[in-house]
Amino acid sequence: MNSIIPMANYLLENSGTLSSNIVDEIIGSFHFDVPEEEIKQAKLMYDEFFVFLAQSLDCQEGSVPDALLSWSKANGEAAARSQLNISKIIIRYPDTRMVFSDFVTRVGIEFGLNTREVVMVIKRVNQMLDLSMNETVFAFERYKDSVIQEAQKEIKELSTPIVPIQDGIAILPLIGTIDSNRSDHLLNRVVPKISPLGVKYLILDFSGIVTIDTEVARHIFTVHSVLALLGIDIAVTGIRPELASRIVNAGIDFTSIKVYGNVKQAIENMTFH
């Protein structure tokens, strides 16, 4: 294995030139165009990759520099931030692997490596590429998931606005499909904001509701009970005939809650009583 050391030193000392050459070779094997900025970034990244490879050649088989994993995570997050599709990253790995295999074979022969040593270096390169790809994908997915969760949070906030309309009276319009997740948001995030606004009468408007089930109805009754304890009167409006039929067929009992045909009727009742 002593012949590995000169090769490792060569990779380390010439990482910049080698990364530029190999990226050009990899890009040349693609059947699609790559933006110049991406090519520039790739050369910088593979400069580091050659350093990682050189440092790992005399390490125990199976081990990988921690810096490589951190580098790969950063690549995945950068790809997600730039709104690249993960497929555009993955599709490049087969050609990259082939170019690296040819490169290692050439350099290995130049440094007098035997077949076993060349195979060992190729395995090390493939291992690093695979782990790099895995970490890149994981980081990409984590970043995308965090963006989606933040967007969903914002959508929930926007889809359950508390709208003051008169002194002490506010409307909470419900839109779309109310599932258990949105019901929990309504109970835990929206309800606590109602009392500080000085609301004495709250109208839950169902005009924009697509469907309802017993689980959602249970949450609404819970909201009703919590607001009643806070001294807030609650009324429900906008229950369309088809929604009313679903409520009856589901065995949901709304008789304990004030129900009005529309918001105007609810406001008139609250104003004069």
C-alpha atoms as a PDB file:
ATOM      1  CA  MET A   1       0.000   0.000   0.000  1.00  0.00           C
ATOM      2  CA  ASN A   2       3.057   2.332   0.069  1.00  0.00           C
ATOM      3  CA  SER A   3       2.353   3.271  -3.565  1.00  0.00           C
ATOM      4  CA  ILE A   4      -0.938   4.804  -2.417  1.00  0.00           C
ATOM      5  CA  ILE A   5       0.861   7.564  -0.495  1.00  0.00           C
ATOM      6  CA  PRO A   6       2.496   9.240  -3.540  1.00  0.00           C
ATOM      7  CA  MET A   7      -0.852   9.158  -5.325  1.00  0.00           C
ATOM      8  CA  ALA A   8      -2.593  10.698  -2.291  1.00  0.00           C
ATOM      9  CA  ASN A   9       0.031  13.469  -2.194  1.00  0.00           C
ATOM     10  CA  TYR A  10      -0.464  14.078  -5.905  1.00  0.00           C
ATOM     11  CA  LEU A  11      -4.252  14.452  -5.444  1.00  0.00           C
ATOM     12  CA  LEU A  12      -3.725  16.771  -2.496  1.00  0.00           C
ATOM     13  CA  GLU A  13      -1.164  19.001  -4.200  1.00  0.00           C
ATOM     14  CA  ASN A  14      -3.054  19.242  -7.510  1.00  0.00           C
ATOM     15  CA  SER A  15      -6.674  19.229  -6.315  1.00  0.00           C
ATOM     16  CA  GLY A  16      -7.548  22.524  -8.027  1.00  0.00           C
ATOM     17  CA  THR A  17      -6.266  21.544 -11.474  1.00  0.00           C
ATOM     18  CA  LEU A  18      -7.645  18.024 -11.208  1.00  0.00           C
ATOM     19  CA  SER A  19     -11.096  19.247 -10.152  1.00  0.00           C
ATOM     20  CA  SER A  20     -11.252  21.657 -13.092  1.00  0.00           C
ATOM     21  CA  ASN A  21     -10.240  18.942 -15.563  1.00  0.00           C
ATOM     22  CA  ILE A  22     -12.552  16.290 -14.209  1.00  0.00           C
ATOM     23  CA  VAL A  23     -15.562  18.628 -14.026  1.00  0.00           C
ATOM     24  CA  ASP A  24     -14.997  19.570 -17.671  1.00  0.00           C
ATOM     25  CA  GLU A  25     -14.849  15.862 -18.526  1.00  0.00           C
ATOM     26  CA  ILE A  26     -18.007  15.112 -16.537  1.00  0.00           C
ATOM     27  CA  ILE A  27     -19.895  18.033 -18.105  1.00  0.00           C
ATOM     28  CA  GLY A  28     -18.770  16.841 -21.515  1.00  0.00           C
ATOM     29  CA  SER A  29     -20.425  13.468 -20.906  1.00  0.00           C
ATOM     30  CA  PHE A  30     -23.819  15.023 -20.126  1.00  0.00           C
ATOM     31  CA  HIS A  31     -26.516  15.249 -22.758  1.00  0.00           C
ATOM     32  CA  PHE A  32     -27.804  18.516 -21.339  1.00  0.00           C
ATOM     33  CA  ASP A  33     -26.463  22.000 -20.693  1.00  0.00           C
ATOM     34  CA  VAL A  34     -25.208  23.098 -17.292  1.00  0.00           C
ATOM     35  CA  PRO A  35     -25.169  26.810 -16.359  1.00  0.00           C
ATOM     36  CA  GLU A  36     -21.719  28.387 -16.049  1.00  0.00           C
ATOM     37  CA  GLU A  37     -22.315  29.287 -12.413  1.00  0.00           C
ATOM     38  CA  GLU A  38     -23.042  25.652 -11.559  1.00  0.00           C
ATOM     39  CA  ILE A  39     -19.880  24.559 -13.360  1.00  0.00           C
ATOM     40  CA  LYS A  40     -17.876  27.090 -11.348  1.00  0.00           C
ATOM     41  CA  GLN A  41     -19.390  25.855  -8.093  1.00  0.00           C
ATOM     42  CA  ALA A  42     -18.816  22.228  -9.094  1.00  0.00           C
ATOM     43  CA  LYS A  43     -15.102  22.879  -9.639  1.00  0.00           C
ATOM     44  CA  LEU A  44     -14.839  24.437  -6.194  1.00  0.00           C
ATOM     45  CA  MET A  45     -16.676  21.493  -4.652  1.00  0.00           C
ATOM     46  CA  TYR A  46     -14.605  18.836  -6.403  1.00  0.00           C
ATOM     47  CA  ASP A  47     -11.445  20.671  -5.393  1.00  0.00           C
ATOM     48  CA  GLU A  48     -12.527  19.857  -1.820  1.00  0.00           C
ATOM     49  CA  PHE A  49     -13.589  16.365  -2.878  1.00  0.00           C
ATOM     50  CA  PHE A  50     -10.054  15.554  -4.073  1.00  0.00           C
ATOM     51  CA  VAL A  51      -8.704  16.752  -0.735  1.00  0.00           C
ATOM     52  CA  PHE A  52     -11.169  14.461   1.073  1.00  0.00           C
ATOM     53  CA  LEU A  53     -10.226  11.572  -1.218  1.00  0.00           C
ATOM     54  CA  ALA A  54      -6.482  12.093  -0.640  1.00  0.00           C
ATOM     55  CA  GLN A  55      -6.997  12.224   3.129  1.00  0.00           C
ATOM     56  CA  SER A  56      -9.101   9.066   3.133  1.00  0.00           C
ATOM     57  CA  LEU A  57      -6.856   6.795   1.033  1.00  0.00           C
ATOM     58  CA  ASP A  58      -4.796   5.752   4.033  1.00  0.00           C
ATOM     59  CA  CYS A  59      -7.814   5.576   6.372  1.00  0.00           C
ATOM     60  CA  GLN A  60      -9.550   2.407   7.482  1.00  0.00           C
ATOM     61  CA  GLU A  61     -11.850   1.058   4.777  1.00  0.00           C
ATOM     62  CA  GLY A  62     -15.414   2.262   5.245  1.00  0.00           C
ATOM     63  CA  SER A  63     -14.470   5.467   7.021  1.00  0.00           C
ATOM     64  CA  VAL A  64     -15.241   8.845   5.494  1.00  0.00           C
ATOM     65  CA  PRO A  65     -14.015  12.293   6.569  1.00  0.00           C
ATOM     66  CA  ASP A  66     -16.662  14.156   8.584  1.00  0.00           C
ATOM     67  CA  ALA A  67     -15.929  17.201   6.447  1.00  0.00           C
ATOM     68  CA  LEU A  68     -17.235  15.324   3.380  1.00  0.00           C
ATOM     69  CA  LEU A  69     -20.602  14.740   5.056  1.00  0.00           C
ATOM     70  CA  SER A  70     -20.849  18.388   6.094  1.00  0.00           C
ATOM     71  CA  TRP A  71     -19.905  19.391   2.558  1.00  0.00           C
ATOM     72  CA  SER A  72     -22.605  17.133   1.094  1.00  0.00           C
ATOM     73  CA  LYS A  73     -25.276  18.495   3.440  1.00  0.00           C
ATOM     74  CA  ALA A  74     -24.339  22.017   2.399  1.00  0.00           C
ATOM     75  CA  ASN A  75     -24.643  20.972  -1.271  1.00  0.00           C
ATOM     76  CA  GLY A  76     -28.144  19.592  -0.719  1.00  0.00           C
ATOM     77  CA  GLU A  77     -29.319  22.703   1.114  1.00  0.00           C
ATOM     78  CA  ALA A  78     -27.809  24.925  -1.569  1.00  0.00           C
ATOM     79  CA  ALA A  79     -29.633  22.945  -4.271  1.00  0.00           C
ATOM     80  CA  ALA A  80     -32.929  23.270  -2.383  1.00  0.00           C
ATOM     81  CA  ARG A  81     -32.462  26.996  -1.862  1.00  0.00           C
ATOM     82  CA  SER A  82     -31.753  27.449  -5.569  1.00  0.00           C
ATOM     83  CA  GLN A  83     -35.010  25.541  -6.286  1.00  0.00           C
ATOM     84  CA  LEU A  84     -33.298  22.815  -8.304  1.00  0.00           C
ATOM     85  CA  ASN A  85     -35.191  19.563  -8.693  1.00  0.00           C
ATOM     86  CA  ILE A  86     -33.449  16.744  -6.842  1.00  0.00           C
ATOM     87  CA  SER A  87     -33.603  14.694 -10.082  1.00  0.00           C
ATOM     88  CA  LYS A  88     -31.246  17.213 -11.696  1.00  0.00           C
ATOM     89  CA  ILE A  89     -28.689  16.333  -9.052  1.00  0.00           C
ATOM     90  CA  ILE A  90     -29.171  12.553  -9.043  1.00  0.00           C
ATOM     91  CA  ILE A  91     -29.061  12.236 -12.831  1.00  0.00           C
ATOM     92  CA  ARG A  92     -25.447  13.446 -12.822  1.00  0.00           C
ATOM     93  CA  TYR A  93     -24.067  10.715 -10.567  1.00  0.00           C
ATOM     94  CA  PRO A  94     -23.785   7.791 -13.057  1.00  0.00           C
ATOM     95  CA  ASP A  95     -21.657   9.839 -15.488  1.00  0.00           C
ATOM     96  CA  THR A  96     -19.667  11.265 -12.579  1.00  0.00           C
ATOM     97  CA  ARG A  97     -18.949   7.760 -11.308  1.00  0.00           C
ATOM     98  CA  MET A  98     -17.759   6.569 -14.731  1.00  0.00           C
ATOM     99  CA  VAL A  99     -15.479   9.576 -15.249  1.00  0.00           C
ATOM    100  CA  PHE A 100     -13.954   9.139 -11.800  1.00  0.00           C
ATOM    101  CA  SER A 101     -13.405   5.405 -12.401  1.00  0.00           C
ATOM    102  CA  ASP A 102     -11.536   6.140 -15.647  1.00  0.00           C
ATOM    103  CA  PHE A 103      -9.542   8.885 -13.923  1.00  0.00           C
ATOM    104  CA  VAL A 104      -8.508   6.673 -10.993  1.00  0.00           C
ATOM    105  CA  THR A 105      -7.498   3.903 -13.379  1.00  0.00           C
ATOM    106  CA  ARG A 106      -5.298   6.258 -15.412  1.00  0.00           C
ATOM    107  CA  VAL A 107      -3.644   7.866 -12.397  1.00  0.00           C
ATOM    108  CA  GLY A 108      -3.283   4.535 -10.642  1.00  0.00           C
ATOM    109  CA  ILE A 109      -1.374   3.098 -13.596  1.00  0.00           C
ATOM    110  CA  GLU A 110       0.842   6.204 -13.724  1.00  0.00           C
ATOM    111  CA  PHE A 111       1.762   5.741 -10.044  1.00  0.00           C
ATOM    112  CA  GLY A 112       2.336   2.014 -10.430  1.00  0.00           C
ATOM    113  CA  LEU A 113      -0.639   0.810  -8.405  1.00  0.00           C
ATOM    114  CA  ASN A 114      -1.513  -2.849  -8.827  1.00  0.00           C
ATOM    115  CA  THR A 115      -5.002  -4.001  -9.789  1.00  0.00           C
ATOM    116  CA  ARG A 116      -6.084  -4.529  -6.190  1.00  0.00           C
ATOM    117  CA  GLU A 117      -4.982  -1.031  -5.211  1.00  0.00           C
ATOM    118  CA  VAL A 118      -6.731   0.571  -8.179  1.00  0.00           C
ATOM    119  CA  VAL A 119      -9.932  -1.285  -7.313  1.00  0.00           C
ATOM    120  CA  MET A 120      -9.576  -0.138  -3.697  1.00  0.00           C
ATOM    121  CA  VAL A 121      -9.289   3.514  -4.744  1.00  0.00           C
ATOM    122  CA  ILE A 122     -12.263   3.190  -7.129  1.00  0.00           C
ATOM    123  CA  LYS A 123     -14.296   1.635  -4.304  1.00  0.00           C
ATOM    124  CA  ARG A 124     -13.308   4.501  -2.043  1.00  0.00           C
ATOM    125  CA  VAL A 125     -14.374   7.058  -4.657  1.00  0.00           C
ATOM    126  CA  ASN A 126     -17.697   5.267  -5.208  1.00  0.00           C
ATOM    127  CA  GLN A 127     -18.287   5.048  -1.480  1.00  0.00           C
ATOM    128  CA  MET A 128     -17.646   8.776  -1.085  1.00  0.00           C
ATOM    129  CA  LEU A 129     -19.886   9.602  -4.040  1.00  0.00           C
ATOM    130  CA  ASP A 130     -22.691   7.402  -2.676  1.00  0.00           C
ATOM    131  CA  LEU A 131     -22.483   8.866   0.810  1.00  0.00           C
ATOM    132  CA  SER A 132     -22.257  12.336  -0.658  1.00  0.00           C
ATOM    133  CA  MET A 133     -25.350  11.693  -2.773  1.00  0.00           C
ATOM    134  CA  ASN A 134     -27.245  10.313   0.232  1.00  0.00           C
ATOM    135  CA  GLU A 135     -26.377  13.277   2.427  1.00  0.00           C
ATOM    136  CA  THR A 136     -27.227  15.666  -0.397  1.00  0.00           C
ATOM    137  CA  VAL A 137     -30.671  14.095  -0.843  1.00  0.00           C
ATOM    138  CA  PHE A 138     -31.345  13.977   2.910  1.00  0.00           C
ATOM    139  CA  ALA A 139     -30.345  17.635   3.315  1.00  0.00           C
ATOM    140  CA  PHE A 140     -32.444  18.580   0.273  1.00  0.00           C
ATOM    141  CA  GLU A 141     -35.499  16.813   1.704  1.00  0.00           C
ATOM    142  CA  ARG A 142     -35.040  18.308   5.178  1.00  0.00           C
ATOM    143  CA  TYR A 143     -34.772  21.788   3.734  1.00  0.00           C
ATOM    144  CA  LYS A 144     -37.780  21.312   1.468  1.00  0.00           C
ATOM    145  CA  ASP A 145     -39.815  19.844   4.352  1.00  0.00           C
ATOM    146  CA  SER A 146     -39.013  22.830   6.543  1.00  0.00           C
ATOM    147  CA  VAL A 147     -40.091  25.205   3.757  1.00  0.00           C
ATOM    148  CA  ILE A 148     -43.336  23.266   3.234  1.00  0.00           C
ATOM    149  CA  GLN A 149     -44.091  23.216   6.965  1.00  0.00           C
ATOM    150  CA  GLU A 150     -43.509  26.950   7.214  1.00  0.00           C
ATOM    151  CA  ALA A 151     -45.756  27.539   4.199  1.00  0.00           C
ATOM    152  CA  GLN A 152     -48.480  25.335   5.699  1.00  0.00           C
ATOM    153  CA  LYS A 153     -48.213  27.282   8.944  1.00  0.00           C
ATOM    154  CA  GLU A 154     -48.657  30.557   7.075  1.00  0.00           C
ATOM    155  CA  ILE A 155     -51.608  29.128   5.116  1.00  0.00           C
ATOM    156  CA  LYS A 156     -53.285  28.071   8.356  1.00  0.00           C
ATOM    157  CA  GLU A 157     -52.826  31.552   9.773  1.00  0.00           C
ATOM    158  CA  LEU A 158     -54.281  33.128   6.639  1.00  0.00           C
ATOM    159  CA  SER A 159     -57.157  30.627   6.392  1.00  0.00           C
ATOM    160  CA  THR A 160     -58.439  31.322   9.932  1.00  0.00           C
ATOM    161  CA  PRO A 161     -58.480  35.122  10.267  1.00  0.00           C
ATOM    162  CA  ILE A 162     -60.351  36.819  13.108  1.00  0.00           C
ATOM    163  CA  VAL A 163     -62.225  39.748  11.530  1.00  0.00           C
ATOM    164  CA  PRO A 164     -63.636  42.400  13.929  1.00  0.00           C
ATOM    165  CA  ILE A 165     -66.776  43.975  12.399  1.00  0.00           C
ATOM    166  CA  GLN A 166     -68.304  45.938  15.292  1.00  0.00           C
ATOM    167  CA  ASP A 167     -67.379  46.707  18.877  1.00  0.00           C
ATOM    168  CA  GLY A 168     -67.248  43.355  20.646  1.00  0.00           C
ATOM    169  CA  ILE A 169     -68.292  41.380  17.533  1.00  0.00           C
ATOM    170  CA  ALA A 170     -65.945  39.424  15.257  1.00  0.00           C
ATOM    171  CA  ILE A 171     -66.239  36.857  12.480  1.00  0.00           C
ATOM    172  CA  LEU A 172     -64.087  33.783  12.052  1.00  0.00           C
ATOM    173  CA  PRO A 173     -64.671  32.621   8.447  1.00  0.00           C
ATOM    174  CA  LEU A 174     -63.836  28.949   7.888  1.00  0.00           C
ATOM    175  CA  ILE A 175     -62.714  28.069   4.374  1.00  0.00           C
ATOM    176  CA  GLY A 176     -62.050  24.798   2.560  1.00  0.00           C
ATOM    177  CA  THR A 177     -61.860  21.413   4.246  1.00  0.00           C
ATOM    178  CA  ILE A 178     -61.572  21.417   8.011  1.00  0.00           C
ATOM    179  CA  ASP A 179     -59.574  18.386   9.125  1.00  0.00           C
ATOM    180  CA  SER A 180     -58.267  17.477  12.574  1.00  0.00           C
ATOM    181  CA  ASN A 181     -54.992  19.290  11.886  1.00  0.00           C
ATOM    182  CA  ARG A 182     -56.724  22.572  11.098  1.00  0.00           C
ATOM    183  CA  SER A 183     -59.126  22.022  13.986  1.00  0.00           C
ATOM    184  CA  ASP A 184     -56.191  21.705  16.374  1.00  0.00           C
ATOM    185  CA  HIS A 185     -54.761  24.909  14.908  1.00  0.00           C
ATOM    186  CA  LEU A 186     -58.124  26.626  15.440  1.00  0.00           C
ATOM    187  CA  LEU A 187     -58.287  25.510  19.062  1.00  0.00           C
ATOM    188  CA  ASN A 188     -54.664  26.033  20.057  1.00  0.00           C
ATOM    189  CA  ARG A 189     -53.550  28.993  17.939  1.00  0.00           C
ATOM    190  CA  VAL A 190     -56.671  30.998  17.024  1.00  0.00           C
ATOM    191  CA  VAL A 191     -58.897  30.757  20.110  1.00  0.00           C
ATOM    192  CA  PRO A 192     -56.262  32.224  22.479  1.00  0.00           C
ATOM    193  CA  LYS A 193     -56.147  35.359  20.278  1.00  0.00           C
ATOM    194  CA  ILE A 194     -59.894  36.049  20.544  1.00  0.00           C
ATOM    195  CA  SER A 195     -60.250  37.178  24.166  1.00  0.00           C
ATOM    196  CA  PRO A 196     -57.412  39.775  24.059  1.00  0.00           C
ATOM    197  CA  LEU A 197     -59.252  41.477  21.156  1.00  0.00           C
ATOM    198  CA  GLY A 198     -62.168  42.307  23.467  1.00  0.00           C
ATOM    199  CA  VAL A 199     -64.545  40.080  21.512  1.00  0.00           C
ATOM    200  CA  LYS A 200     -67.829  39.311  23.269  1.00  0.00           C
ATOM    201  CA  TYR A 201     -69.639  37.744  20.310  1.00  0.00           C
ATOM    202  CA  LEU A 202     -67.947  35.501  17.767  1.00  0.00           C
ATOM    203  CA  ILE A 203     -69.528  34.307  14.534  1.00  0.00           C
ATOM    204  CA  LEU A 204     -68.187  31.090  13.041  1.00  0.00           C
ATOM    205  CA  ASP A 205     -69.087  31.344   9.366  1.00  0.00           C
ATOM    206  CA  PHE A 206     -69.305  28.015   7.533  1.00  0.00           C
ATOM    207  CA  SER A 207     -70.049  29.516   4.091  1.00  0.00           C
ATOM    208  CA  GLY A 208     -66.691  28.370   2.718  1.00  0.00           C
ATOM    209  CA  ILE A 209     -66.655  24.909   4.309  1.00  0.00           C
ATOM    210  CA  VAL A 210     -66.594  21.993   1.883  1.00  0.00           C
ATOM    211  CA  THR A 211     -67.332  19.184   4.327  1.00  0.00           C
ATOM    212  CA  ILE A 212     -67.499  18.350   8.013  1.00  0.00           C
ATOM    213  CA  ASP A 213     -67.240  15.189  10.117  1.00  0.00           C
ATOM    214  CA  THR A 214     -67.784  14.189  13.743  1.00  0.00           C
ATOM    215  CA  GLU A 215     -64.138  14.803  14.678  1.00  0.00           C
ATOM    216  CA  VAL A 216     -64.306  18.378  13.398  1.00  0.00           C
ATOM    217  CA  ALA A 217     -67.674  18.888  15.088  1.00  0.00           C
ATOM    218  CA  ARG A 218     -66.124  17.750  18.371  1.00  0.00           C
ATOM    219  CA  HIS A 219     -63.439  20.415  18.017  1.00  0.00           C
ATOM    220  CA  ILE A 220     -66.069  23.060  17.284  1.00  0.00           C
ATOM    221  CA  PHE A 221     -67.974  22.092  20.426  1.00  0.00           C
ATOM    222  CA  THR A 222     -64.696  22.319  22.351  1.00  0.00           C
ATOM    223  CA  VAL A 223     -64.107  25.802  20.931  1.00  0.00           C
ATOM    224  CA  HIS A 224     -67.671  26.704  21.941  1.00  0.00           C
ATOM    225  CA  SER A 225     -67.087  25.473  25.495  1.00  0.00           C
ATOM    226  CA  VAL A 226     -63.739  27.253  25.868  1.00  0.00           C
ATOM    227  CA  LEU A 227     -65.144  30.550  24.595  1.00  0.00           C
ATOM    228  CA  ALA A 228     -68.192  30.214  26.839  1.00  0.00           C
ATOM    229  CA  LEU A 229     -65.884  29.907  29.849  1.00  0.00           C
ATOM    230  CA  LEU A 230     -64.211  33.131  28.687  1.00  0.00           C
ATOM    231  CA  GLY A 231     -67.581  34.867  28.522  1.00  0.00           C
ATOM    232  CA  ILE A 232     -67.714  34.912  24.736  1.00  0.00           C
ATOM    233  CA  ASP A 233     -70.974  34.101  22.972  1.00  0.00           C
ATOM    234  CA  ILE A 234     -70.608  32.031  19.791  1.00  0.00           C
ATOM    235  CA  ALA A 235     -72.918  31.624  16.817  1.00  0.00           C
ATOM    236  CA  VAL A 236     -72.653  29.565  13.631  1.00  0.00           C
ATOM    237  CA  THR A 237     -73.705  30.854  10.218  1.00  0.00           C
ATOM    238  CA  GLY A 238     -73.584  29.823   6.589  1.00  0.00           C
ATOM    239  CA  ILE A 239     -74.507  26.142   6.907  1.00  0.00           C
ATOM    240  CA  ARG A 240     -75.700  25.315   3.397  1.00  0.00           C
ATOM    241  CA  PRO A 241     -78.409  22.670   2.781  1.00  0.00           C
ATOM    242  CA  GLU A 242     -75.947  20.030   1.556  1.00  0.00           C
ATOM    243  CA  LEU A 243     -73.693  20.659   4.537  1.00  0.00           C
ATOM    244  CA  ALA A 244     -76.688  20.511   6.867  1.00  0.00           C
ATOM    245  CA  SER A 245     -77.585  17.109   5.373  1.00  0.00           C
ATOM    246  CA  ARG A 246     -74.073  15.824   6.054  1.00  0.00           C
ATOM    247  CA  ILE A 247     -74.306  17.098   9.628  1.00  0.00           C
ATOM    248  CA  VAL A 248     -77.630  15.305  10.198  1.00  0.00           C
ATOM    249  CA  ASN A 249     -76.458  12.082   8.498  1.00  0.00           C
ATOM    250  CA  ALA A 250     -73.318  12.101  10.631  1.00  0.00           C
ATOM    251  CA  GLY A 251     -75.415  12.358  13.772  1.00  0.00           C
ATOM    252  CA  ILE A 252     -73.887  15.695  14.774  1.00  0.00           C
ATOM    253  CA  ASP A 253     -76.088  17.659  17.197  1.00  0.00           C
ATOM    254  CA  PHE A 254     -75.831  21.421  16.765  1.00  0.00           C
ATOM    255  CA  THR A 255     -78.913  22.216  18.872  1.00  0.00           C
ATOM    256  CA  SER A 256     -76.812  23.547  21.745  1.00  0.00           C
ATOM    257  CA  ILE A 257     -75.198  26.148  19.458  1.00  0.00           C
ATOM    258  CA  LYS A 258     -76.930  29.224  18.050  1.00  0.00           C
ATOM    259  CA  VAL A 259     -77.270  28.772  14.299  1.00  0.00           C
ATOM    260  CA  TYR A 260     -78.288  31.480  11.825  1.00  0.00           C
ATOM    261  CA  GLY A 261     -78.786  31.449   8.094  1.00  0.00           C
ATOM    262  CA  ASN A 262     -76.252  34.193   7.424  1.00  0.00           C
ATOM    263  CA  VAL A 263     -73.940  36.660   9.116  1.00  0.00           C
ATOM    264  CA  LYS A 264     -76.460  39.514   8.864  1.00  0.00           C
ATOM    265  CA  GLN A 265     -79.036  37.590  10.918  1.00  0.00           C
ATOM    266  CA  ALA A 266     -76.425  36.714  13.539  1.00  0.00           C
ATOM    267  CA  ILE A 267     -75.288  40.332  13.868  1.00  0.00           C
ATOM    268  CA  GLU A 268     -78.864  41.593  14.187  1.00  0.00           C
ATOM    269  CA  ASN A 269     -79.584  39.051  16.903  1.00  0.00           C
ATOM    270  CA  MET A 270     -76.406  39.951  18.810  1.00  0.00           C
ATOM    271  CA  THR A 271     -77.052  43.674  18.436  1.00  0.00           C
ATOM    272  CA  PHE A 272     -80.617  43.668  19.705  1.00  0.00           C
ATOM    273  CA  HIS A 273     -80.245  41.073  22.456  1.00  0.00           C
END
